[in-house]
Structure formats: C-alpha cells, structure tokens
Protein backbone atom coordinates (compact mmCIF):
# COMPACT_ATOMS: atom_id res chain seq x y z
CA MET A 1 41.95 19.42 -6.07
CA LYS A 2 45.77 19.15 -5.64
CA ILE A 3 47.96 19.73 -2.75
CA VAL A 4 51.24 20.27 -3.36
CA ASN A 5 54.17 19.98 -0.22
CA CYS A 6 57.41 20.12 -1.23
CA GLN A 7 59.47 18.95 2.06
CA SER A 8 63.20 18.66 2.49
CA LYS A 9 66.04 18.80 4.53
CA ILE A 10 67.04 21.45 6.99
CA GLU A 11 70.06 23.01 6.02
CA ASN A 12 73.06 22.32 8.29
CA ARG A 13 74.60 25.91 8.37
CA VAL A 14 71.83 28.87 7.38
CA LEU A 15 71.96 32.82 7.27
CA VAL A 16 69.20 34.37 7.60
CA VAL A 17 69.45 38.22 6.84
CA GLY A 18 67.32 41.12 8.01
CA LEU A 19 65.60 40.86 11.47
CA GLY A 20 62.30 42.34 11.15
CA GLU A 21 59.20 39.71 11.89
CA SER A 22 60.09 37.03 9.34
CA GLY A 23 63.67 37.27 9.72
CA LEU A 24 63.06 36.76 13.87
CA ALA A 25 60.19 33.87 12.93
CA ALA A 26 62.57 32.21 10.66
CA ALA A 27 65.71 32.03 12.71
CA ARG A 28 64.08 31.01 15.65
CA TRP A 29 62.09 27.96 13.67
CA LEU A 30 65.62 27.02 12.07
CA ALA A 31 67.44 26.96 15.31
CA LYS A 32 64.55 24.52 17.14
CA GLN A 33 65.77 22.32 14.00
CA GLY A 34 69.18 22.07 14.87
CA SER A 35 70.37 24.96 11.96
CA GLN A 36 73.81 26.86 12.72
CA VAL A 37 72.39 29.89 12.23
CA THR A 38 73.56 33.37 12.06
CA VAL A 39 72.10 36.29 11.37
CA SER A 40 72.88 39.58 9.97
CA GLU A 41 71.34 42.64 10.30
CA ILE A 42 72.52 46.14 8.94
CA GLN A 43 71.34 47.97 12.01
CA LYS A 44 73.43 48.61 15.46
CA GLU A 45 73.32 46.40 18.61
CA SER A 46 71.99 49.84 20.29
CA ASP A 47 69.15 50.26 17.89
CA LEU A 48 67.65 46.77 18.24
CA ASN A 49 65.63 45.63 21.62
CA LYS A 50 67.83 43.91 23.86
CA ASP A 51 65.57 41.28 24.89
CA VAL A 52 64.96 39.75 21.16
CA LEU A 53 69.14 39.88 21.28
CA ALA A 54 69.33 38.16 24.27
CA ASP A 55 66.79 35.47 23.71
CA LEU A 56 68.57 35.09 19.96
CA LEU A 57 71.48 34.39 21.69
CA LYS A 58 70.07 32.09 24.08
CA SER A 59 68.78 29.80 21.43
CA GLY A 60 72.56 29.53 20.11
CA ILE A 61 72.01 31.92 17.06
CA LYS A 62 74.74 34.03 16.19
CA LEU A 63 74.36 37.86 15.35
CA GLU A 64 76.48 40.08 13.13
CA LEU A 65 74.98 43.35 13.90
CA GLY A 66 75.79 46.74 12.18
CA GLY A 67 76.08 45.79 8.66
CA HIS A 68 76.99 42.94 6.45
CA LYS A 69 79.68 40.97 5.69
CA VAL A 70 80.44 39.08 2.28
CA LYS A 71 82.53 36.19 4.09
CA THR A 72 79.42 35.23 6.30
CA PHE A 73 77.53 35.29 3.04
CA LEU A 74 79.78 32.47 1.22
CA GLU A 75 80.38 30.54 4.11
CA THR A 76 76.48 29.08 4.57
CA ASP A 77 75.00 26.18 2.91
CA LEU A 78 71.58 28.30 2.91
CA ILE A 79 70.52 32.36 2.91
CA VAL A 80 66.90 33.14 3.93
CA VAL A 81 66.54 36.97 2.89
CA SER A 82 63.94 39.10 4.41
CA PRO A 83 61.14 40.76 2.44
CA GLY A 84 62.62 44.46 3.13
CA VAL A 85 66.01 43.90 2.30
CA CYS A 86 67.25 44.64 -1.92
CA LEU A 87 67.95 41.26 -3.42
CA ASP A 88 70.61 43.63 -5.35
CA ILE A 89 73.02 44.24 -2.82
CA ARG A 90 76.80 42.99 -2.88
CA PRO A 91 77.24 39.94 -0.37
CA LEU A 92 73.78 38.35 -1.88
CA ALA A 93 75.45 38.95 -5.30
CA GLY A 94 78.56 37.59 -4.12
CA ALA A 95 76.34 34.19 -2.35
CA ARG A 96 74.18 34.07 -5.63
CA LYS A 97 77.48 33.78 -8.07
CA LYS A 98 78.57 31.45 -5.93
CA GLY A 99 75.38 29.16 -5.80
CA VAL A 100 74.56 29.60 -2.24
CA PRO A 101 70.79 29.26 -2.56
CA ILE A 102 68.70 32.48 -1.66
CA ILE A 103 65.13 31.94 -0.09
CA GLY A 104 62.59 34.07 1.76
CA GLU A 105 60.99 32.82 5.31
CA MET A 106 57.75 32.31 3.46
CA GLU A 107 59.36 29.65 0.77
CA LEU A 108 61.47 28.41 3.72
CA ALA A 109 58.01 27.20 5.26
CA SER A 110 55.92 26.70 2.86
CA ARG A 111 58.63 23.84 2.22
CA TYR A 112 57.10 22.15 5.34
CA LEU A 113 53.56 22.92 5.57
CA LYS A 114 51.29 19.98 5.69
CA THR A 115 48.17 22.23 5.62
CA PRO A 116 46.34 23.17 1.63
CA PHE A 117 47.28 26.77 1.26
CA ILE A 118 45.64 29.59 -0.52
CA ALA A 119 47.64 32.88 -1.39
CA VAL A 120 46.29 36.06 -1.91
CA THR A 121 48.58 38.53 -3.75
CA GLY A 122 48.09 42.51 -5.37
CA THR A 123 48.81 46.19 -5.34
CA ASN A 124 46.03 46.80 -3.34
CA GLY A 125 42.94 44.63 -1.20
CA LYS A 126 45.72 41.66 0.67
CA SER A 127 44.92 42.29 3.68
CA THR A 128 40.84 42.77 3.42
CA VAL A 129 40.27 39.60 1.18
CA VAL A 130 42.60 37.05 3.20
CA ASN A 131 40.81 38.31 6.64
CA LEU A 132 37.38 38.14 4.29
CA ILE A 133 38.26 34.20 3.08
CA GLY A 134 39.37 33.18 6.52
CA ASP A 135 36.19 34.91 8.48
CA MET A 136 33.84 32.87 5.35
CA LEU A 137 36.05 29.31 5.83
CA ARG A 138 35.46 29.79 9.90
CA LYS A 139 31.97 30.52 9.33
CA GLY A 140 31.28 27.39 7.04
CA GLY A 141 32.93 25.12 9.87
CA LYS A 142 36.56 25.41 8.65
CA ARG A 143 39.42 25.49 10.79
CA VAL A 144 42.13 28.36 9.68
CA PHE A 145 45.37 30.11 9.83
CA VAL A 146 45.28 33.33 8.36
CA GLY A 147 49.09 34.77 8.24
CA GLY A 148 51.96 35.64 5.70
CA ASN A 149 52.66 39.20 4.76
CA ILE A 150 49.70 40.73 7.02
CA GLY A 151 51.80 39.97 10.71
CA ARG A 152 52.07 36.46 11.04
CA PRO A 153 54.98 34.89 9.46
CA LEU A 154 53.98 31.07 8.26
CA THR A 155 56.72 29.70 10.57
CA HIS A 156 55.00 30.45 13.49
CA TYR A 157 52.10 28.13 11.87
CA ILE A 158 54.83 25.52 10.68
CA GLY A 159 56.00 25.49 14.44
CA GLY A 160 52.80 24.28 15.90
CA GLU A 161 50.79 21.24 15.49
CA GLN A 162 49.17 22.43 11.96
CA THR A 163 46.16 21.71 13.11
CA ALA A 164 44.20 23.92 10.36
CA ASP A 165 42.17 22.69 7.84
CA TYR A 166 43.42 25.80 5.22
CA VAL A 167 45.88 28.67 5.77
CA VAL A 168 45.70 31.77 3.91
CA LEU A 169 48.44 33.92 3.57
CA GLU A 170 48.91 37.62 2.48
CA VAL A 171 52.02 37.53 0.13
CA SER A 172 53.85 40.44 -0.91
CA SER A 173 55.99 40.89 -3.99
CA PHE A 174 59.01 41.20 -2.08
CA GLN A 175 57.79 37.73 -0.76
CA LEU A 176 57.61 36.41 -4.50
CA ASP A 177 60.98 37.14 -5.50
CA THR A 178 62.39 34.61 -3.01
CA THR A 179 60.07 32.03 -3.73
CA LYS A 180 61.29 28.72 -5.82
CA THR A 181 59.00 25.53 -4.99
CA PHE A 182 55.74 27.84 -3.88
CA SER A 183 52.67 26.15 -4.90
CA PRO A 184 49.25 27.29 -3.32
CA LEU A 185 45.94 25.14 -3.75
CA LEU A 186 44.19 28.43 -4.66
CA ALA A 187 46.03 31.65 -6.04
CA LEU A 188 44.62 34.93 -6.60
CA ILE A 189 45.83 38.33 -7.61
CA LEU A 190 43.56 41.13 -7.25
CA ASN A 191 44.82 44.02 -9.09
CA ILE A 192 48.55 45.24 -10.14
CA SER A 193 49.15 49.03 -10.35
CA PRO A 194 52.51 50.68 -10.39
CA ASP A 195 53.81 50.34 -7.07
CA HIS A 196 57.47 50.06 -5.13
CA LEU A 197 59.37 51.40 -8.37
CA ASP A 198 61.81 52.53 -6.02
CA ARG A 199 62.85 48.71 -5.56
CA TYR A 200 61.45 47.32 -9.56
CA ALA A 201 63.45 48.63 -12.45
CA ASP A 202 59.77 49.22 -14.10
CA TYR A 203 55.86 48.07 -13.76
CA GLN A 204 56.66 45.22 -15.92
CA SER A 205 59.24 43.89 -13.47
CA TYR A 206 56.97 44.39 -10.43
CA ALA A 207 53.82 42.50 -12.34
CA ARG A 208 56.31 39.52 -13.19
CA SER A 209 56.98 39.49 -9.81
CA LYS A 210 53.04 39.40 -9.17
CA GLU A 211 52.88 36.19 -11.40
CA ARG A 212 54.77 33.78 -9.37
CA ILE A 213 52.55 32.85 -6.77
CA PHE A 214 50.80 30.55 -9.75
CA ALA A 215 54.80 29.42 -11.22
CA ASN A 216 54.29 26.19 -9.41
CA GLN A 217 50.69 25.98 -9.56
CA GLY A 218 49.11 22.70 -12.33
CA PRO A 219 46.16 20.43 -12.53
CA GLY A 220 43.96 20.46 -9.80
CA GLN A 221 44.72 24.02 -8.30
CA ILE A 222 43.22 27.23 -8.98
CA LEU A 223 43.77 30.17 -9.97
CA ILE A 224 41.56 33.77 -9.56
CA LEU A 225 42.05 36.48 -11.29
CA ASN A 226 40.43 40.14 -11.76
CA ASP A 227 39.18 40.46 -15.11
CA ASP A 228 39.07 44.09 -15.11
CA ASP A 229 42.87 44.66 -14.44
CA THR A 230 44.36 44.86 -17.94
CA TRP A 231 47.50 43.40 -17.16
CA LEU A 232 45.69 40.58 -15.53
CA ARG A 233 43.02 39.79 -18.01
CA LYS A 234 46.01 38.24 -20.60
CA LEU A 235 47.16 36.22 -18.06
CA GLU A 236 47.10 32.22 -18.73
CA PRO A 237 48.75 29.58 -16.70
CA LYS A 238 51.16 27.55 -19.12
CA LYS A 239 50.75 23.90 -16.25
CA GLY A 240 47.19 23.61 -16.46
CA ALA A 241 45.31 25.25 -13.13
CA SER A 242 41.84 26.19 -13.64
CA VAL A 243 41.11 29.56 -14.16
CA TYR A 244 38.63 31.59 -12.65
CA ARG A 245 37.91 35.19 -13.55
CA TYR A 246 35.42 37.72 -11.96
CA GLY A 247 34.86 41.64 -13.10
CA LEU A 248 32.20 44.52 -11.93
CA LYS A 249 30.04 43.98 -15.17
CA ARG A 250 28.89 41.01 -16.76
CA ARG A 251 30.67 39.24 -20.01
CA LEU A 252 31.25 36.45 -21.69
CA GLY A 253 33.93 33.95 -19.49
CA LEU A 254 33.50 35.26 -16.16
CA HIS A 255 32.51 33.43 -12.81
CA ALA A 256 31.55 36.32 -10.69
CA PHE A 257 30.00 39.68 -11.81
CA LEU A 258 28.10 42.53 -10.70
CA ASP A 259 23.90 42.11 -11.76
CA ASN A 260 21.86 44.92 -10.25
CA GLY A 261 23.54 45.85 -6.95
CA GLN A 262 24.47 41.93 -6.18
CA ILE A 263 26.85 39.62 -6.72
CA LYS A 264 25.81 36.21 -9.55
CA ALA A 265 28.87 33.88 -9.01
CA THR A 266 29.32 29.90 -10.29
CA LEU A 267 32.33 27.78 -10.73
CA SER A 268 32.13 25.80 -14.14
CA GLY A 269 29.36 23.73 -14.50
CA GLU A 270 27.09 24.85 -11.48
CA LYS A 271 24.22 26.70 -10.48
CA ILE A 272 24.53 31.05 -10.36
CA ILE A 273 24.28 31.74 -6.81
CA THR A 274 23.41 35.45 -5.88
CA LEU A 275 24.33 37.52 -2.92
CA ASN A 276 23.37 40.48 -1.70
CA LEU A 277 25.33 43.47 -0.49
CA ASP A 278 22.59 46.00 0.71
CA ARG A 279 24.49 45.37 4.05
CA PHE A 280 27.79 44.98 3.17
CA SER A 281 29.41 48.07 5.07
CA LEU A 282 33.20 48.46 2.62
CA PRO A 283 33.03 51.45 0.64
CA GLY A 284 33.65 51.64 -3.38
CA SER A 285 33.34 49.30 -6.35
CA HIS A 286 37.59 47.91 -5.72
CA SER A 287 35.56 46.16 -2.46
CA ARG A 288 33.11 44.75 -4.33
CA ALA A 289 35.84 43.30 -7.10
CA ASN A 290 37.33 42.20 -4.44
CA LEU A 291 35.05 40.21 -2.78
CA MET A 292 34.43 38.35 -5.85
CA ALA A 293 37.40 36.78 -5.37
CA VAL A 294 37.00 35.67 -1.48
CA ILE A 295 33.38 34.39 -3.00
CA LEU A 296 35.11 32.78 -5.72
CA THR A 297 37.89 30.99 -2.94
CA CYS A 298 35.36 30.09 -0.88
CA LEU A 299 32.84 28.44 -3.00
CA ALA A 300 36.05 26.63 -4.52
CA LEU A 301 36.19 25.50 -0.68
CA LYS A 302 32.28 24.33 -0.86
CA ILE A 303 31.69 26.79 1.55
CA SER A 304 27.09 27.59 1.66
CA PRO A 305 26.06 30.71 -0.15
CA SER A 306 24.22 31.34 3.83
CA ASP A 307 27.41 30.99 5.12
CA LEU A 308 28.97 33.57 2.48
CA GLN A 309 26.06 35.85 2.97
CA ASP A 310 26.57 36.27 6.93
CA VAL A 311 29.44 37.09 6.51
CA ILE A 312 29.57 39.78 3.83
CA ASP A 313 26.82 41.30 5.66
CA ASN A 314 28.53 41.78 8.99
CA PHE A 315 32.00 42.61 8.07
CA LYS A 316 33.22 45.56 8.83
CA GLY A 317 36.77 45.96 7.36
CA LEU A 318 39.83 46.48 8.90
CA PRO A 319 41.58 49.45 10.76
CA HIS A 320 43.25 52.33 8.70
CA ARG A 321 41.14 51.19 5.64
CA ILE A 322 38.83 54.05 4.89
CA GLU A 323 37.84 54.06 8.21
CA LEU A 324 35.61 56.62 10.19
CA VAL A 325 37.54 58.53 12.77
CA ASP A 326 35.52 60.89 13.76
CA THR A 327 33.27 63.75 13.27
CA VAL A 328 34.20 66.97 14.02
CA LYS A 329 31.29 70.01 13.23
CA GLY A 330 29.68 68.50 10.68
CA VAL A 331 33.42 67.44 8.67
CA ASP A 332 34.01 63.34 8.75
CA PHE A 333 37.48 62.33 9.04
CA TYR A 334 38.28 58.93 7.62
CA ASP A 335 41.61 57.04 8.10
CA ASP A 336 43.09 55.37 4.63
CA SER A 337 46.36 55.38 5.97
CA LYS A 338 46.88 51.80 4.43
CA ALA A 339 46.43 53.64 1.07
CA THR A 340 50.48 53.62 0.74
CA ASN A 341 50.42 54.13 -3.14
CA ILE A 342 48.69 56.01 -5.86
CA ASP A 343 46.65 53.71 -7.22
CA ALA A 344 45.05 52.94 -3.25
CA ALA A 345 44.31 56.57 -2.54
CA ILE A 346 42.45 57.17 -5.93
CA LYS A 347 40.24 54.19 -5.10
CA SER A 348 40.03 56.10 -1.52
CA ILE A 349 38.85 58.98 -3.38
CA ILE A 350 36.75 58.49 -5.69
CA SER A 351 34.76 56.26 -2.68
CA PHE A 352 33.58 59.77 -1.87
CA SER A 353 30.29 61.24 -3.06
CA ARG A 354 30.94 64.76 -1.00
CA PRO A 355 33.89 67.16 -1.37
CA VAL A 356 37.24 65.44 0.20
CA VAL A 357 40.44 67.41 1.44
CA LEU A 358 43.07 65.30 1.42
CA ILE A 359 45.77 64.43 3.29
CA ALA A 360 48.93 62.87 1.30
CA GLY A 361 52.72 62.30 1.58
CA GLY A 362 55.23 60.23 3.00
CA ARG A 363 58.34 58.50 1.28
CA HIS A 364 58.66 59.04 -2.36
CA LYS A 365 58.61 55.58 -3.95
CA GLY A 366 59.33 56.21 -7.78
CA SER A 367 55.39 56.42 -9.23
CA ASP A 368 54.37 59.25 -10.98
CA TYR A 369 52.22 61.13 -9.41
CA PHE A 370 49.96 62.68 -12.65
CA PRO A 371 46.38 59.62 -12.19
CA LEU A 372 46.55 60.93 -8.64
CA VAL A 373 45.84 64.97 -9.43
CA LYS A 374 43.90 63.71 -12.74
CA ALA A 375 41.39 61.53 -9.96
CA ALA A 376 41.55 64.54 -8.08
CA SER A 377 40.82 67.05 -10.14
CA ASN A 378 36.86 66.64 -9.53
CA ARG A 379 36.37 65.76 -6.17
CA VAL A 380 39.43 66.63 -3.70
CA LYS A 381 38.53 70.37 -2.90
CA GLY A 382 42.16 71.16 -1.29
CA ALA A 383 44.60 69.09 -0.09
CA VAL A 384 47.34 68.76 2.36
CA PHE A 385 51.23 67.52 1.87
CA LEU A 386 53.55 66.30 4.28
CA GLY A 387 56.90 64.50 4.84
CA GLU A 388 59.34 63.61 2.25
CA ALA A 389 57.55 63.50 -0.77
CA GLY A 390 55.54 66.63 0.22
CA CYS A 391 57.17 68.87 -2.49
CA LEU A 392 56.72 66.05 -5.31
CA LEU A 393 53.51 66.09 -4.46
CA ALA A 394 53.19 69.84 -4.55
CA GLU A 395 55.02 70.03 -7.86
CA ALA A 396 52.51 67.92 -9.14
CA PHE A 397 49.43 69.17 -7.69
CA ASP A 398 50.77 72.80 -8.75
CA SER A 399 47.70 75.50 -9.12
CA LYS A 400 45.32 72.29 -10.02
CA ILE A 401 44.23 72.34 -6.32
CA SER A 402 44.62 74.34 -3.68
CA TRP A 403 46.77 72.86 -1.40
CA SER A 404 49.56 73.91 1.92
CA LYS A 405 52.53 71.82 3.20
CA ALA A 406 52.69 70.65 6.95
CA THR A 407 55.02 69.89 9.37
CA GLY A 408 53.81 67.44 10.89
CA MET A 409 49.93 65.35 11.47
CA ILE A 410 48.69 67.33 13.44
CA ASN A 411 49.59 70.25 11.55
CA ALA A 412 48.08 68.24 8.44
CA VAL A 413 44.71 67.84 10.51
CA SER A 414 44.22 71.35 11.63
CA LEU A 415 45.26 72.58 7.90
CA ALA A 416 42.79 70.41 6.25
CA PHE A 417 40.05 71.18 8.99
CA ASP A 418 40.57 75.09 8.38
CA GLN A 419 40.03 73.87 4.50
CA ALA A 420 36.80 72.28 5.20
CA GLN A 421 32.97 72.81 5.31
CA GLU A 422 29.76 70.87 7.60
CA GLY A 423 29.19 67.52 5.52
CA ASP A 424 32.92 67.74 3.73
CA VAL A 425 35.52 64.72 4.26
CA VAL A 426 39.17 64.84 5.42
CA LEU A 427 40.70 61.90 3.99
CA LEU A 428 43.81 60.86 5.07
CA ALA A 429 45.25 58.34 2.07
CA PRO A 430 48.73 59.01 1.90
CA ALA A 431 50.13 57.74 -1.79
CA CYS A 432 53.65 57.07 -0.41
CA ALA A 433 55.00 54.71 2.34
CA SER A 434 55.31 55.94 5.62
CA PHE A 435 58.96 55.26 6.83
CA ASP A 436 59.97 59.00 6.41
CA MET A 437 57.98 60.18 9.67
CA PHE A 438 56.25 56.83 11.17
CA ARG A 439 57.30 53.40 12.08
CA ASP A 440 54.70 51.09 9.53
CA PHE A 441 50.65 52.56 8.15
CA LYS A 442 49.27 51.83 11.74
CA HIS A 443 52.06 54.02 13.49
CA ARG A 444 50.61 56.74 11.00
CA GLY A 445 47.23 56.19 11.40
CA MET A 446 46.88 56.19 15.33
CA VAL A 447 48.96 59.44 14.87
CA PHE A 448 46.30 60.78 13.08
CA ARG A 449 43.16 59.55 15.08
CA GLU A 450 45.48 61.09 17.82
CA ALA A 451 45.55 64.21 16.03
CA VAL A 452 41.84 64.17 14.93
CA ARG A 453 41.05 63.79 18.78
CA ARG A 454 43.25 66.95 20.19
CA LEU A 455 41.10 68.98 17.04
CA LYS A 456 37.82 68.09 18.84
CA ASN A 457 38.93 68.50 22.13
CA GLY A 458 40.28 71.58 21.48
CA THR A 459 43.93 70.71 22.73
C-alpha cells in the first residue's frame, strides 16, 4: 500500500488562531521548530489559564488576546486556524484575499508525519471506531498512536520520535476544511447526516467537506465506505484508490455484511472470514455497521481474525456513548451525551426496545427536529427538554408526546424519573451541542451522572 508524506519547510512567521487544544499544540511545536509564532485569541486574558499563557510567553510566543487584528493576519507567512474558528471571519477573509496560506493543525502535522496513518470521519461513531482500530492493531502486535479530534493533537506525535507502526486519527469536518495535502493510507467515512448547519450553508456543503478525506488519495491507498448511507453509496474516488464497502444486508459488491447475526468480511480476492457478535457489547445496528468498517481496516493491515474476535468480545465502549449509569427503583439511566446531533439521538433511541423517557436539548445546530419526533413517536413515552433549544424541541414535539421543560440537569433527571416506571429507560440523548450550559459533552455527561447519583441517594 502507498504511504504519502508531504514534508515541507517550516515558515518563518506563523499565526495560530485560537487557543484550543489543537491551537496550543501547534503553537508550541512551531516555536520549537524556530518559527516566530503569534497566537490570536478572541477571549480576554482574564478568561484564559494564566499558567498556559505564561508558558507560551516563556516559549517566545507572542499573544494577541481579546480579539483578532486584521493587520496581524496580513503580516504573516502562514496561518494555522483552530477547528472551532469560523473560516469566514473578516481577518481570515482578508488574509485569504492577500494569498496567505490558511491550514489547520492536522494538515500542518501531517506534512511532517513519517508514520502511515488511518483517518476516520463521519457524523457519528468516529471516536468509538478509532479506539476499536487502535485496540485491534495493538492486539495484533502493532505500536499505535490514536489521536486527532478525539483529544490528542497530531502535533503531539510529530513532536516525539514517531515510533508507532500506525497513526489512527479521528477527523472532523472542520479539520478537513483546512486540509490541502492530507492523504491517509486508509480513509474511512462512516456516515453523513445533517449536522453543524449553523456553520455550513446546507447539508450538501457539509457532506462535501467530509469527502475531502480522500481528495488526495491514489493507487495503493484505500477508502472504506458505508454503503447503507445514500450519500456515500454514490461516491467513487477519481484518482484510483481501492474502495471497500460494507452494509447491514448482504448484496453484490459489499466487502462486509451481516449474515445470521455474524459479520462476514473479505478483501478483494481473499477468503471470507466470519466474526461472531454474541459477546459484542455495543447496542444498536449502527454499532455493527461501524464494526464492519473497523474489521475491513484491520484486515487490510493484516491483523488476524482471531485477534479481531478477541477485541470484539472484550471491547466495552467509551464513556458517554449509550452508557448505563445506574438503576433507580427499576429505572435504568443511560448517558449518551455524545449524541450531539439528531441522527445520533435517533440511533440512541432506537437501540432500546423498552419505553424511553428522553432528556434532550442544548445549543441548537440548525437542523430540523422532525426526524427526531418521528423516531420518538413509537418509542418515547415522555420527554424533558432543557437548554437554549428547549423551546424549539417543545415546538417540534408539540402535543405528539408528553413533555416538560427543565431548569437544569438535576431538575431534568427528576422530571424524567417522575414519568418513568419500573423497566423503563431514562435516556440522555441531547441531539444538540453542549456549550450553552456545559464545557463540552463530557462535562454534560458527568453532570447527568451526578444528578442520577443524587436522585438515588435522595439528596
């Protein structure tokens, strides 16, 4: 298989926009390479970690805090923009017009990456898939770095000795928007459903962003696609990468599919292998689909079927992904705080055959809630809404399902419990971003868990 690494010289003057985790990592790495680094951050100094700022200044990095100055963006050789920064802001538009290159941290790091890498994108399931791939590669005796959007910037890896056999990356659409030469050995697109429509003009623009993951692939590289996804089914790379497709039902042209509750998988011209799912703990058909993508990836990298089976039997899933928190008087409380869009919330709901009381809401991302209402109609017995999108959800659900509005997470858990009976499920599947009330989805999930604990203890 072909390995592509596009090394280039380090620019002298570099502007890093945004002091998130990837921005910090990029700024520190660039400074160590001898670049003159400036960081531009919209937050004020008083809102930022003083120790972090002191460390950056000690490293010789200049700080521009409390807003972006157009002049700074124009007087630089390269701009490295963080994923959370909108690419349409006026300073970036001015720099783009002047011809200043604008890339992201992942694109920057990939140019100096000496290790073959696997990149995973999709609306939902990315983190679980990259962790499964990492576990299977390790089980097969490989050294692995797992990072990217999952929380470990790629710059951390290139700053070391690069001793892994493979790098496995979770890649968001925002990160793909700032790629130029990014070219993974294996690229996976798990699914594409409407998301981030507060940032993209429409679904088509969002989907085309995902397609950038294989834009630079060619012969000797591999693209793995979910053939059950209507958008992905029609995709064909133009530059000769090999394509492996998977789906829940067996049909011509698929390399992995379900057959009597087992996964059958094969690479082109090779023997079909069978993997048992009796001990696979992740719920829902979407989890089985994601597992097929993992299996095809690891077969392409020569991991044995016995090693694949061992990981399938023992993988316990990630926190805040349809995770059982506790049982209170016969009611099971599940945390799926990572369900930050409508499609993820729907998949979460339909994973249960029991009656569900849904807790949803947060920051609205521009999508229509009608599909959520439709999915909930025969499965959700009641709902509790909170956050900025609470009113929009209440309007969408109207009189179709009994609902109430909560003032916060503790109140939401209490209201949901009041609607539940023994044997029911209370499910946190927000269908929205977390940033209106919480630091991130992890914080939201932890607050939910604490609210369940307090309910159980009567505190």
